[in-house]
Amino acid sequence: MTIVRALAREDLPEAQPDRQRYRLTGQGRAPSLDEHSKVRKFEQLFVAHLDAAYDLARWLTRDERNAEDVVQEACLRAFKFLDGFHGENGRVWLLAIVRNTYYSWLRKNQFQALSVPFEEETAAVDAISLEIDGGNPVEELLQQKDARRMINSALEQLPEEFREVIVLRELEDLSYKEIAAVADIPLGTVMSRLARARKLLLQHLQHARQES
């Protein structure tokens, strides 16, 4: 087995979440002392993970503006239920809220989500690892000029349950246990979905190579 790692973000503009959008206190009034303390706690625990939250939302929604809306709502939910956070992994806790917020958003915006085109330039892959059998020509594919486009297109075609686990594993570098916590699924399901996602991704890449 060989590991193929495609670094696909260099030379591409990197979209950044607008952190000013994620306001946690009501506008038009001065926040209370308790709110100030709560905001400081939120910032200490979760601001460092906003990029990861935005990246996950962007891959799930496949649209920058919708991703910002999802992260905005997720931050408000996280702030509201901050007292329920008891020192667990802050990144995992926030990503789980982002994921749940996305599926709530999806139920309300099903038609819009289906009609949104995938933005390849702003949703470029950081690193996709694929385990493949020796002798497979995928390495040649990844050396091609449009490899980034092929990888992004292949990821976009994965069903959500496979796309989210491979993004969490390969882009956010979460452990299987952490993915299980974010997606609220058993560890065995994480492993089986990752295996299936990698096979599907490889199939899409091979198909893209044949057409190139």
N, C-alpha and C. Protein backbone atom coordinates (compact mmCIF):
# COMPACT_ATOMS: atom_id res chain seq x y z
N MET A 1 0.85 -1.20 0.00
CA MET A 1 0.00 0.00 0.00
C MET A 1 0.89 1.24 0.00
N THR A 2 0.49 2.24 -0.71
CA THR A 2 1.23 3.50 -0.72
C THR A 2 0.31 4.62 -0.30
N ILE A 3 0.90 5.67 0.24
CA ILE A 3 0.14 6.85 0.67
C ILE A 3 0.38 7.95 -0.35
N VAL A 4 -0.69 8.43 -0.95
CA VAL A 4 -0.60 9.53 -1.90
C VAL A 4 -1.11 10.77 -1.21
N ARG A 5 -0.27 11.78 -1.08
CA ARG A 5 -0.69 13.03 -0.42
C ARG A 5 -0.64 14.16 -1.43
N ALA A 6 -1.79 14.77 -1.65
CA ALA A 6 -1.88 15.85 -2.64
C ALA A 6 -2.02 17.18 -1.93
N LEU A 7 -1.01 18.00 -1.98
CA LEU A 7 -1.09 19.33 -1.38
C LEU A 7 -1.67 20.27 -2.40
N ALA A 8 -2.86 20.77 -2.14
CA ALA A 8 -3.60 21.44 -3.21
C ALA A 8 -3.98 22.87 -2.91
N ARG A 9 -3.46 23.49 -1.89
CA ARG A 9 -3.90 24.85 -1.62
C ARG A 9 -2.87 25.89 -2.07
N GLU A 10 -1.64 25.51 -2.29
CA GLU A 10 -0.64 26.49 -2.68
C GLU A 10 -1.04 27.14 -4.01
N ASP A 11 -0.72 28.41 -4.12
CA ASP A 11 -1.02 29.22 -5.31
C ASP A 11 -2.50 29.52 -5.47
N LEU A 12 -3.33 29.14 -4.50
CA LEU A 12 -4.75 29.44 -4.60
C LEU A 12 -5.12 30.41 -3.49
N PRO A 13 -6.05 31.34 -3.74
CA PRO A 13 -6.47 32.27 -2.70
C PRO A 13 -7.19 31.53 -1.60
N GLU A 14 -6.84 31.82 -0.37
CA GLU A 14 -7.44 31.13 0.76
C GLU A 14 -8.53 31.99 1.38
N ALA A 15 -9.74 31.46 1.39
CA ALA A 15 -10.85 32.20 1.99
C ALA A 15 -10.73 32.15 3.51
N GLN A 16 -11.03 33.25 4.17
CA GLN A 16 -10.95 33.33 5.60
C GLN A 16 -12.31 33.72 6.16
N PRO A 17 -12.70 33.14 7.27
CA PRO A 17 -13.98 33.54 7.87
C PRO A 17 -13.89 34.96 8.40
N ASP A 18 -14.98 35.69 8.26
CA ASP A 18 -15.05 37.04 8.77
C ASP A 18 -15.42 36.96 10.24
N ARG A 19 -14.40 37.03 11.10
CA ARG A 19 -14.65 36.81 12.53
C ARG A 19 -15.48 37.93 13.14
N GLN A 20 -15.50 39.08 12.50
CA GLN A 20 -16.32 40.16 13.02
C GLN A 20 -17.80 39.84 12.92
N ARG A 21 -18.15 38.89 12.03
CA ARG A 21 -19.56 38.53 11.90
C ARG A 21 -20.05 37.76 13.11
N TYR A 22 -19.13 37.10 13.80
CA TYR A 22 -19.56 36.19 14.85
C TYR A 22 -19.69 36.95 16.17
N ARG A 23 -20.66 37.87 16.20
CA ARG A 23 -20.92 38.67 17.39
C ARG A 23 -21.78 37.86 18.36
N LEU A 24 -21.42 37.94 19.65
CA LEU A 24 -22.05 37.06 20.61
C LEU A 24 -22.97 37.79 21.57
N THR A 25 -22.92 39.12 21.56
CA THR A 25 -23.79 39.86 22.47
C THR A 25 -24.80 40.65 21.68
N GLY A 26 -25.90 40.99 22.30
CA GLY A 26 -26.94 41.73 21.62
C GLY A 26 -26.48 43.12 21.21
N GLN A 27 -26.93 43.59 20.08
CA GLN A 27 -26.55 44.91 19.60
C GLN A 27 -27.50 45.96 20.17
N GLY A 28 -26.99 47.20 20.33
CA GLY A 28 -27.82 48.28 20.81
C GLY A 28 -27.91 48.39 22.31
N ARG A 29 -27.14 47.55 23.02
CA ARG A 29 -27.12 47.65 24.47
C ARG A 29 -25.76 47.20 24.97
N ALA A 30 -25.40 47.69 26.15
CA ALA A 30 -24.12 47.30 26.73
C ALA A 30 -24.26 45.92 27.36
N PRO A 31 -23.31 45.01 27.09
CA PRO A 31 -23.40 43.68 27.69
C PRO A 31 -23.18 43.75 29.20
N SER A 32 -23.79 42.83 29.92
CA SER A 32 -23.64 42.78 31.37
C SER A 32 -22.26 42.24 31.72
N LEU A 33 -21.89 42.35 33.00
CA LEU A 33 -20.61 41.81 33.44
C LEU A 33 -20.55 40.31 33.22
N ASP A 34 -21.67 39.65 33.45
CA ASP A 34 -21.70 38.20 33.22
C ASP A 34 -21.46 37.89 31.75
N GLU A 35 -22.04 38.69 30.88
CA GLU A 35 -21.85 38.48 29.45
C GLU A 35 -20.40 38.73 29.06
N HIS A 36 -19.77 39.76 29.65
CA HIS A 36 -18.37 40.02 29.38
C HIS A 36 -17.51 38.81 29.74
N SER A 37 -17.79 38.25 30.90
CA SER A 37 -17.03 37.07 31.33
C SER A 37 -17.27 35.90 30.41
N LYS A 38 -18.51 35.75 29.98
CA LYS A 38 -18.85 34.64 29.10
C LYS A 38 -18.20 34.81 27.73
N VAL A 39 -18.18 36.06 27.24
CA VAL A 39 -17.53 36.32 25.95
C VAL A 39 -16.04 36.03 26.05
N ARG A 40 -15.41 36.47 27.11
CA ARG A 40 -13.98 36.20 27.28
C ARG A 40 -13.71 34.70 27.33
N LYS A 41 -14.56 33.96 28.03
CA LYS A 41 -14.39 32.52 28.11
C LYS A 41 -14.55 31.88 26.74
N PHE A 42 -15.56 32.34 26.01
CA PHE A 42 -15.77 31.80 24.66
C PHE A 42 -14.55 32.07 23.78
N GLU A 43 -14.04 33.29 23.83
CA GLU A 43 -12.90 33.64 23.00
C GLU A 43 -11.67 32.80 23.36
N GLN A 44 -11.45 32.61 24.64
CA GLN A 44 -10.30 31.82 25.08
C GLN A 44 -10.39 30.37 24.62
N LEU A 45 -11.61 29.84 24.61
CA LEU A 45 -11.77 28.43 24.30
C LEU A 45 -11.92 28.14 22.81
N PHE A 46 -12.56 29.05 22.06
CA PHE A 46 -13.01 28.66 20.72
C PHE A 46 -12.54 29.53 19.55
N VAL A 47 -12.07 30.73 19.81
CA VAL A 47 -11.66 31.58 18.69
C VAL A 47 -10.57 30.91 17.85
N ALA A 48 -9.68 30.20 18.50
CA ALA A 48 -8.59 29.51 17.77
C ALA A 48 -9.12 28.44 16.82
N HIS A 49 -10.37 28.02 17.03
CA HIS A 49 -10.93 26.94 16.21
C HIS A 49 -11.93 27.44 15.17
N LEU A 50 -12.06 28.76 15.03
CA LEU A 50 -13.03 29.30 14.07
C LEU A 50 -12.66 28.95 12.63
N ASP A 51 -11.37 28.91 12.32
CA ASP A 51 -10.98 28.54 10.96
C ASP A 51 -11.41 27.12 10.63
N ALA A 52 -11.20 26.21 11.59
CA ALA A 52 -11.62 24.82 11.38
C ALA A 52 -13.13 24.74 11.25
N ALA A 53 -13.84 25.51 12.05
CA ALA A 53 -15.31 25.53 11.98
C ALA A 53 -15.77 26.02 10.61
N TYR A 54 -15.15 27.08 10.14
CA TYR A 54 -15.53 27.63 8.85
C TYR A 54 -15.19 26.67 7.71
N ASP A 55 -14.02 26.04 7.78
CA ASP A 55 -13.63 25.09 6.73
C ASP A 55 -14.62 23.94 6.64
N LEU A 56 -15.02 23.40 7.80
CA LEU A 56 -15.99 22.30 7.79
C LEU A 56 -17.31 22.77 7.20
N ALA A 57 -17.79 23.94 7.62
CA ALA A 57 -19.05 24.46 7.11
C ALA A 57 -18.97 24.73 5.61
N ARG A 58 -17.84 25.21 5.15
CA ARG A 58 -17.68 25.51 3.73
C ARG A 58 -17.70 24.24 2.89
N TRP A 59 -17.06 23.19 3.39
CA TRP A 59 -17.08 21.92 2.65
C TRP A 59 -18.47 21.31 2.65
N LEU A 60 -19.19 21.47 3.74
CA LEU A 60 -20.53 20.88 3.80
C LEU A 60 -21.53 21.67 2.96
N THR A 61 -21.49 23.00 3.06
CA THR A 61 -22.45 23.81 2.31
C THR A 61 -22.01 24.04 0.87
N ARG A 62 -20.70 23.98 0.64
CA ARG A 62 -20.10 24.23 -0.68
C ARG A 62 -20.35 25.66 -1.15
N ASP A 63 -20.45 26.57 -0.20
CA ASP A 63 -20.70 27.97 -0.53
C ASP A 63 -20.19 28.85 0.62
N GLU A 64 -19.42 29.88 0.29
CA GLU A 64 -18.82 30.72 1.32
C GLU A 64 -19.85 31.43 2.19
N ARG A 65 -20.83 32.05 1.54
CA ARG A 65 -21.82 32.83 2.30
C ARG A 65 -22.65 31.93 3.21
N ASN A 66 -23.08 30.79 2.69
CA ASN A 66 -23.83 29.86 3.52
C ASN A 66 -22.98 29.32 4.65
N ALA A 67 -21.70 29.09 4.37
CA ALA A 67 -20.79 28.62 5.42
C ALA A 67 -20.68 29.65 6.55
N GLU A 68 -20.59 30.92 6.18
CA GLU A 68 -20.54 31.97 7.19
C GLU A 68 -21.81 32.00 8.02
N ASP A 69 -22.96 31.83 7.37
CA ASP A 69 -24.23 31.81 8.10
C ASP A 69 -24.28 30.64 9.08
N VAL A 70 -23.81 29.47 8.63
CA VAL A 70 -23.82 28.29 9.49
C VAL A 70 -22.90 28.50 10.69
N VAL A 71 -21.70 29.04 10.45
CA VAL A 71 -20.77 29.25 11.56
C VAL A 71 -21.29 30.32 12.51
N GLN A 72 -21.91 31.37 11.96
CA GLN A 72 -22.51 32.40 12.81
C GLN A 72 -23.54 31.79 13.75
N GLU A 73 -24.44 30.98 13.20
CA GLU A 73 -25.46 30.34 14.03
C GLU A 73 -24.85 29.36 15.01
N ALA A 74 -23.82 28.63 14.56
CA ALA A 74 -23.15 27.67 15.45
C ALA A 74 -22.48 28.38 16.62
N CYS A 75 -21.86 29.52 16.35
CA CYS A 75 -21.24 30.29 17.43
C CYS A 75 -22.26 30.78 18.43
N LEU A 76 -23.40 31.23 17.94
CA LEU A 76 -24.46 31.67 18.85
C LEU A 76 -24.96 30.51 19.71
N ARG A 77 -25.09 29.34 19.08
CA ARG A 77 -25.51 28.16 19.85
C ARG A 77 -24.46 27.77 20.88
N ALA A 78 -23.19 27.80 20.46
CA ALA A 78 -22.10 27.45 21.38
C ALA A 78 -22.06 28.42 22.56
N PHE A 79 -22.26 29.70 22.26
CA PHE A 79 -22.27 30.71 23.32
C PHE A 79 -23.44 30.49 24.27
N LYS A 80 -24.59 30.19 23.70
CA LYS A 80 -25.79 29.98 24.51
C LYS A 80 -25.62 28.81 25.47
N PHE A 81 -24.99 27.77 24.99
CA PHE A 81 -24.84 26.55 25.80
C PHE A 81 -23.42 26.39 26.34
N LEU A 82 -22.73 27.51 26.51
CA LEU A 82 -21.34 27.46 26.97
C LEU A 82 -21.21 26.82 28.34
N ASP A 83 -22.22 26.99 29.18
CA ASP A 83 -22.17 26.39 30.51
C ASP A 83 -22.18 24.87 30.45
N GLY A 84 -22.59 24.33 29.28
CA GLY A 84 -22.58 22.88 29.11
C GLY A 84 -21.24 22.32 28.71
N PHE A 85 -20.28 23.22 28.46
CA PHE A 85 -18.92 22.77 28.12
C PHE A 85 -18.13 22.61 29.41
N HIS A 86 -17.61 21.42 29.63
CA HIS A 86 -16.94 21.11 30.90
C HIS A 86 -15.48 20.72 30.70
N GLY A 87 -14.80 21.43 29.82
CA GLY A 87 -13.38 21.19 29.66
C GLY A 87 -13.01 20.09 28.71
N GLU A 88 -13.97 19.63 27.89
CA GLU A 88 -13.64 18.64 26.89
C GLU A 88 -12.81 19.31 25.80
N ASN A 89 -12.59 18.59 24.71
CA ASN A 89 -11.87 19.13 23.56
C ASN A 89 -12.70 20.23 22.92
N GLY A 90 -12.24 21.49 23.04
CA GLY A 90 -13.01 22.61 22.54
C GLY A 90 -13.21 22.58 21.03
N ARG A 91 -12.20 22.11 20.31
CA ARG A 91 -12.31 22.04 18.86
C ARG A 91 -13.39 21.05 18.45
N VAL A 92 -13.38 19.88 19.07
CA VAL A 92 -14.36 18.85 18.76
C VAL A 92 -15.76 19.33 19.14
N TRP A 93 -15.88 19.96 20.29
CA TRP A 93 -17.19 20.44 20.75
C TRP A 93 -17.77 21.45 19.77
N LEU A 94 -16.93 22.40 19.30
CA LEU A 94 -17.40 23.41 18.37
C LEU A 94 -17.73 22.81 17.00
N LEU A 95 -16.90 21.90 16.52
CA LEU A 95 -17.16 21.27 15.22
C LEU A 95 -18.44 20.45 15.24
N ALA A 96 -18.72 19.82 16.37
CA ALA A 96 -19.97 19.07 16.49
C ALA A 96 -21.17 20.01 16.38
N ILE A 97 -21.06 21.18 16.99
CA ILE A 97 -22.14 22.16 16.90
C ILE A 97 -22.27 22.67 15.47
N VAL A 98 -21.15 22.91 14.80
CA VAL A 98 -21.18 23.35 13.41
C VAL A 98 -21.87 22.30 12.55
N ARG A 99 -21.52 21.05 12.74
CA ARG A 99 -22.13 19.97 11.96
C ARG A 99 -23.64 19.91 12.19
N ASN A 100 -24.05 19.95 13.45
CA ASN A 100 -25.48 19.89 13.77
C ASN A 100 -26.22 21.11 13.21
N THR A 101 -25.57 22.26 13.28
CA THR A 101 -26.17 23.48 12.74
C THR A 101 -26.34 23.37 11.24
N TYR A 102 -25.34 22.78 10.58
CA TYR A 102 -25.44 22.60 9.14
C TYR A 102 -26.64 21.76 8.76
N TYR A 103 -26.85 20.65 9.46
CA TYR A 103 -27.97 19.77 9.10
C TYR A 103 -29.31 20.43 9.41
N SER A 104 -29.35 21.28 10.43
CA SER A 104 -30.57 22.06 10.68
C SER A 104 -30.80 23.05 9.55
N TRP A 105 -29.71 23.70 9.13
CA TRP A 105 -29.79 24.64 8.00
C TRP A 105 -30.22 23.92 6.73
N LEU A 106 -29.70 22.72 6.52
CA LEU A 106 -29.99 21.97 5.30
C LEU A 106 -31.47 21.63 5.20
N ARG A 107 -32.06 21.26 6.33
CA ARG A 107 -33.48 20.93 6.32
C ARG A 107 -34.34 22.14 5.93
N LYS A 108 -33.87 23.33 6.27
CA LYS A 108 -34.62 24.54 5.94
C LYS A 108 -34.32 25.05 4.54
N ASN A 109 -33.18 24.66 3.98
CA ASN A 109 -32.73 25.21 2.71
C ASN A 109 -32.35 24.12 1.73
N GLN A 110 -33.12 23.05 1.70
CA GLN A 110 -32.77 21.89 0.90
C GLN A 110 -32.60 22.25 -0.57
N PHE A 111 -33.51 23.00 -1.13
CA PHE A 111 -33.44 23.33 -2.56
C PHE A 111 -32.23 24.20 -2.84
N GLN A 112 -31.98 25.19 -1.98
CA GLN A 112 -30.84 26.07 -2.18
C GLN A 112 -29.54 25.29 -2.11
N ALA A 113 -29.43 24.36 -1.17
CA ALA A 113 -28.21 23.58 -1.02
C ALA A 113 -27.94 22.74 -2.25
N LEU A 114 -28.99 22.19 -2.83
CA LEU A 114 -28.83 21.34 -4.00
C LEU A 114 -28.43 22.13 -5.23
N SER A 115 -28.78 23.41 -5.26
CA SER A 115 -28.53 24.21 -6.46
C SER A 115 -27.25 25.02 -6.40
N VAL A 116 -26.55 25.01 -5.25
CA VAL A 116 -25.33 25.80 -5.11
C VAL A 116 -24.18 25.11 -5.81
N PRO A 117 -23.47 25.79 -6.74
CA PRO A 117 -22.32 25.19 -7.39
C PRO A 117 -21.15 25.12 -6.43
N PHE A 118 -20.29 24.14 -6.64
CA PHE A 118 -19.12 23.98 -5.78
C PHE A 118 -18.04 24.97 -6.19
N GLU A 119 -17.52 25.76 -5.25
CA GLU A 119 -16.53 26.77 -5.55
C GLU A 119 -15.14 26.18 -5.37
N GLU A 120 -14.54 25.72 -6.46
CA GLU A 120 -13.30 24.98 -6.38
C GLU A 120 -12.14 25.83 -5.90
N GLU A 121 -12.05 27.08 -6.34
CA GLU A 121 -10.89 27.88 -5.98
C GLU A 121 -10.84 28.19 -4.50
N THR A 122 -12.00 28.46 -3.89
CA THR A 122 -12.01 28.85 -2.49
C THR A 122 -12.16 27.65 -1.56
N ALA A 123 -12.43 26.50 -2.09
CA ALA A 123 -12.58 25.31 -1.25
C ALA A 123 -11.51 24.29 -1.59
N ALA A 124 -10.32 24.75 -1.86
CA ALA A 124 -9.25 23.85 -2.25
C ALA A 124 -8.85 22.94 -1.11
N VAL A 125 -8.34 21.79 -1.46
CA VAL A 125 -7.95 20.79 -0.47
C VAL A 125 -6.60 21.14 0.11
N ASP A 126 -6.45 21.01 1.42
CA ASP A 126 -5.15 21.14 2.05
C ASP A 126 -4.33 19.89 1.82
N ALA A 127 -4.90 18.75 2.22
CA ALA A 127 -4.14 17.51 2.07
C ALA A 127 -5.10 16.33 2.08
N ILE A 128 -5.07 15.54 1.03
CA ILE A 128 -5.91 14.36 0.93
C ILE A 128 -5.01 13.14 0.90
N SER A 129 -5.20 12.24 1.86
CA SER A 129 -4.39 11.03 1.90
C SER A 129 -5.22 9.87 1.42
N LEU A 130 -4.68 9.09 0.49
CA LEU A 130 -5.39 7.94 -0.04
C LEU A 130 -4.50 6.72 0.06
N GLU A 131 -5.03 5.64 0.58
CA GLU A 131 -4.32 4.39 0.59
C GLU A 131 -4.73 3.60 -0.64
N ILE A 132 -3.78 3.30 -1.49
CA ILE A 132 -4.10 2.61 -2.72
C ILE A 132 -3.12 1.49 -2.96
N ASP A 133 -3.49 0.55 -3.78
CA ASP A 133 -2.62 -0.57 -4.10
C ASP A 133 -1.46 -0.10 -4.95
N GLY A 134 -0.31 -0.76 -4.78
CA GLY A 134 0.86 -0.44 -5.57
C GLY A 134 0.57 -0.61 -7.05
N GLY A 135 1.21 0.22 -7.87
CA GLY A 135 1.03 0.13 -9.30
C GLY A 135 -0.13 0.95 -9.81
N ASN A 136 -0.92 1.54 -8.91
CA ASN A 136 -2.04 2.38 -9.34
C ASN A 136 -1.51 3.70 -9.88
N PRO A 137 -2.02 4.18 -11.01
CA PRO A 137 -1.46 5.38 -11.64
C PRO A 137 -1.96 6.69 -11.06
N VAL A 138 -2.55 6.69 -9.87
CA VAL A 138 -3.10 7.93 -9.33
C VAL A 138 -2.00 8.96 -9.06
N GLU A 139 -0.80 8.50 -8.70
CA GLU A 139 0.28 9.45 -8.46
C GLU A 139 0.54 10.29 -9.70
N GLU A 140 0.46 9.69 -10.86
CA GLU A 140 0.64 10.45 -12.09
C GLU A 140 -0.47 11.49 -12.24
N LEU A 141 -1.67 11.11 -11.86
CA LEU A 141 -2.79 12.05 -11.92
C LEU A 141 -2.53 13.27 -11.06
N LEU A 142 -2.02 13.05 -9.86
CA LEU A 142 -1.83 14.14 -8.91
C LEU A 142 -0.70 15.07 -9.31
N GLN A 143 0.10 14.66 -10.28
CA GLN A 143 1.16 15.53 -10.79
C GLN A 143 0.66 16.41 -11.93
N GLN A 144 -0.53 16.15 -12.38
CA GLN A 144 -1.06 16.92 -13.50
C GLN A 144 -1.42 18.34 -13.06
N LYS A 145 -1.45 19.23 -14.03
CA LYS A 145 -1.67 20.64 -13.75
C LYS A 145 -3.00 20.90 -13.07
N ASP A 146 -4.02 20.16 -13.46
CA ASP A 146 -5.35 20.40 -12.90
C ASP A 146 -5.72 19.40 -11.81
N ALA A 147 -4.70 18.88 -11.11
CA ALA A 147 -4.95 17.90 -10.05
C ALA A 147 -5.84 18.49 -8.95
N ARG A 148 -5.60 19.75 -8.61
CA ARG A 148 -6.41 20.38 -7.55
C ARG A 148 -7.88 20.38 -7.93
N ARG A 149 -8.14 20.74 -9.17
CA ARG A 149 -9.53 20.78 -9.63
C ARG A 149 -10.14 19.40 -9.57
N MET A 150 -9.40 18.37 -9.97
CA MET A 150 -9.91 17.01 -9.96
C MET A 150 -10.22 16.54 -8.54
N ILE A 151 -9.32 16.87 -7.61
CA ILE A 151 -9.52 16.45 -6.22
C ILE A 151 -10.74 17.14 -5.62
N ASN A 152 -10.83 18.44 -5.85
CA ASN A 152 -11.99 19.18 -5.34
C ASN A 152 -13.30 18.64 -5.93
N SER A 153 -13.28 18.39 -7.23
CA SER A 153 -14.47 17.87 -7.89
C SER A 153 -14.84 16.50 -7.34
N ALA A 154 -13.82 15.66 -7.10
CA ALA A 154 -14.07 14.33 -6.57
C ALA A 154 -14.67 14.40 -5.16
N LEU A 155 -14.13 15.29 -4.33
CA LEU A 155 -14.67 15.45 -2.98
C LEU A 155 -16.10 15.96 -3.01
N GLU A 156 -16.37 16.87 -3.94
CA GLU A 156 -17.70 17.44 -4.04
C GLU A 156 -18.74 16.39 -4.38
N GLN A 157 -18.32 15.36 -5.09
CA GLN A 157 -19.26 14.33 -5.51
C GLN A 157 -19.56 13.30 -4.43
N LEU A 158 -18.78 13.31 -3.36
CA LEU A 158 -19.03 12.35 -2.29
C LEU A 158 -20.32 12.70 -1.54
N PRO A 159 -21.10 11.71 -1.17
CA PRO A 159 -22.25 11.97 -0.30
C PRO A 159 -21.80 12.61 1.01
N GLU A 160 -22.68 13.36 1.63
CA GLU A 160 -22.31 14.14 2.82
C GLU A 160 -21.68 13.30 3.91
N GLU A 161 -22.25 12.12 4.17
CA GLU A 161 -21.74 11.32 5.29
C GLU A 161 -20.31 10.85 5.05
N PHE A 162 -19.91 10.75 3.78
CA PHE A 162 -18.54 10.38 3.47
C PHE A 162 -17.65 11.63 3.37
N ARG A 163 -18.20 12.70 2.83
CA ARG A 163 -17.42 13.92 2.68
C ARG A 163 -17.02 14.48 4.03
N GLU A 164 -17.94 14.45 4.99
CA GLU A 164 -17.63 15.06 6.27
C GLU A 164 -16.55 14.29 7.03
N VAL A 165 -16.57 12.96 6.95
CA VAL A 165 -15.56 12.21 7.70
C VAL A 165 -14.18 12.35 7.08
N ILE A 166 -14.12 12.40 5.74
CA ILE A 166 -12.80 12.54 5.13
C ILE A 166 -12.24 13.94 5.31
N VAL A 167 -13.12 14.95 5.35
CA VAL A 167 -12.67 16.31 5.63
C VAL A 167 -12.16 16.40 7.07
N LEU A 168 -12.89 15.83 8.00
CA LEU A 168 -12.47 15.87 9.40
C LEU A 168 -11.17 15.11 9.63
N ARG A 169 -11.01 14.01 8.92
CA ARG A 169 -9.81 13.20 9.09
C ARG A 169 -8.61 13.77 8.36
N GLU A 170 -8.76 14.07 7.09
CA GLU A 170 -7.63 14.42 6.26
C GLU A 170 -7.30 15.90 6.24
N LEU A 171 -8.30 16.75 6.39
CA LEU A 171 -8.05 18.18 6.39
C LEU A 171 -7.91 18.75 7.80
N GLU A 172 -8.74 18.29 8.72
CA GLU A 172 -8.69 18.80 10.08
C GLU A 172 -7.85 17.92 11.01
N ASP A 173 -7.41 16.77 10.51
CA ASP A 173 -6.50 15.89 11.24
C ASP A 173 -7.07 15.41 12.58
N LEU A 174 -8.37 15.15 12.61
CA LEU A 174 -8.99 14.62 13.82
C LEU A 174 -8.76 13.13 13.91
N SER A 175 -8.69 12.63 15.12
CA SER A 175 -8.58 11.20 15.34
C SER A 175 -9.92 10.53 15.07
N TYR A 176 -9.92 9.21 14.93
CA TYR A 176 -11.17 8.49 14.73
C TYR A 176 -12.13 8.75 15.88
N LYS A 177 -11.59 8.77 17.09
CA LYS A 177 -12.42 9.00 18.27
C LYS A 177 -13.04 10.39 18.23
N GLU A 178 -12.26 11.38 17.82
CA GLU A 178 -12.78 12.75 17.74
C GLU A 178 -13.83 12.88 16.64
N ILE A 179 -13.61 12.21 15.52
CA ILE A 179 -14.62 12.23 14.45
C ILE A 179 -15.92 11.60 14.94
N ALA A 180 -15.80 10.51 15.68
CA ALA A 180 -16.99 9.86 16.22
C ALA A 180 -17.77 10.82 17.12
N ALA A 181 -17.04 11.63 17.90
CA ALA A 181 -17.69 12.59 18.78
C ALA A 181 -18.36 13.70 17.98
N VAL A 182 -17.68 14.21 16.95
CA VAL A 182 -18.24 15.29 16.14
C VAL A 182 -19.49 14.82 15.40
N ALA A 183 -19.40 13.65 14.77
CA ALA A 183 -20.50 13.14 13.94
C ALA A 183 -21.53 12.36 14.74
N ASP A 184 -21.24 12.10 16.02
CA ASP A 184 -22.15 11.36 16.89
C ASP A 184 -22.48 9.99 16.30
N ILE A 185 -21.43 9.26 15.93
CA ILE A 185 -21.57 7.92 15.37
C ILE A 185 -20.56 7.01 16.05
N PRO A 186 -20.78 5.70 16.03
CA PRO A 186 -19.82 4.77 16.64
C PRO A 186 -18.47 4.81 15.93
N LEU A 187 -17.44 4.42 16.66
CA LEU A 187 -16.09 4.41 16.11
C LEU A 187 -15.99 3.50 14.89
N GLY A 188 -16.66 2.37 14.94
CA GLY A 188 -16.64 1.46 13.80
C GLY A 188 -17.26 2.07 12.56
N THR A 189 -18.28 2.87 12.76
CA THR A 189 -18.92 3.55 11.63
C THR A 189 -17.98 4.57 11.01
N VAL A 190 -17.21 5.26 11.85
CA VAL A 190 -16.22 6.21 11.35
C VAL A 190 -15.23 5.49 10.44
N MET A 191 -14.73 4.36 10.90
CA MET A 191 -13.74 3.61 10.13
C MET A 191 -14.31 3.10 8.81
N SER A 192 -15.53 2.59 8.85
CA SER A 192 -16.13 2.06 7.63
C SER A 192 -16.45 3.19 6.65
N ARG A 193 -16.91 4.33 7.15
CA ARG A 193 -17.21 5.45 6.26
C ARG A 193 -15.94 6.02 5.64
N LEU A 194 -14.86 6.08 6.42
CA LEU A 194 -13.60 6.57 5.87
C LEU A 194 -13.09 5.64 4.78
N ALA A 195 -13.19 4.35 5.03
CA ALA A 195 -12.74 3.40 4.02
C ALA A 195 -13.55 3.54 2.74
N ARG A 196 -14.85 3.67 2.89
CA ARG A 196 -15.72 3.82 1.73
C ARG A 196 -15.46 5.15 1.04
N ALA A 197 -15.26 6.21 1.81
CA ALA A 197 -15.01 7.54 1.24
C ALA A 197 -13.73 7.54 0.42
N ARG A 198 -12.70 6.89 0.91
CA ARG A 198 -11.43 6.84 0.18
C ARG A 198 -11.58 6.05 -1.12
N LYS A 199 -12.32 4.97 -1.07
CA LYS A 199 -12.53 4.20 -2.29
C LYS A 199 -13.31 5.00 -3.32
N LEU A 200 -14.37 5.68 -2.86
CA LEU A 200 -15.15 6.49 -3.78
C LEU A 200 -14.33 7.64 -4.36
N LEU A 201 -13.53 8.26 -3.51
CA LEU A 201 -12.70 9.36 -3.97
C LEU A 201 -11.69 8.88 -5.01
N LEU A 202 -11.11 7.73 -4.75
CA LEU A 202 -10.16 7.15 -5.70
C LEU A 202 -10.84 6.83 -7.02
N GLN A 203 -12.04 6.30 -6.96
CA GLN A 203 -12.77 5.99 -8.19
C GLN A 203 -13.02 7.26 -9.00
N HIS A 204 -13.42 8.33 -8.33
CA HIS A 204 -13.66 9.60 -9.03
C HIS A 204 -12.37 10.13 -9.65
N LEU A 205 -11.25 9.99 -8.93
CA LEU A 205 -9.97 10.46 -9.46
C LEU A 205 -9.53 9.64 -10.66
N GLN A 206 -9.73 8.34 -10.58
CA GLN A 206 -9.36 7.49 -11.70
C GLN A 206 -10.22 7.80 -12.93
N HIS A 207 -11.50 8.05 -12.69
CA HIS A 207 -12.40 8.40 -13.78
C HIS A 207 -11.99 9.73 -14.40
N ALA A 208 -11.59 10.70 -13.53
CA ALA A 208 -11.15 11.98 -14.03
C ALA A 208 -9.87 11.84 -14.86
N ARG A 209 -9.01 10.95 -14.45
CA ARG A 209 -7.76 10.74 -15.18
C ARG A 209 -8.06 10.16 -16.58
N GLN A 210 -9.01 9.26 -16.64
CA GLN A 210 -9.35 8.64 -17.92
C GLN A 210 -9.92 9.67 -18.90
N GLU A 211 -10.63 10.65 -18.33
CA GLU A 211 -11.24 11.66 -19.19
C GLU A 211 -10.29 12.79 -19.55
N SER A 212 -9.17 12.89 -18.82
CA SER A 212 -8.24 13.99 -19.06
C SER A 212 -7.34 13.71 -20.26
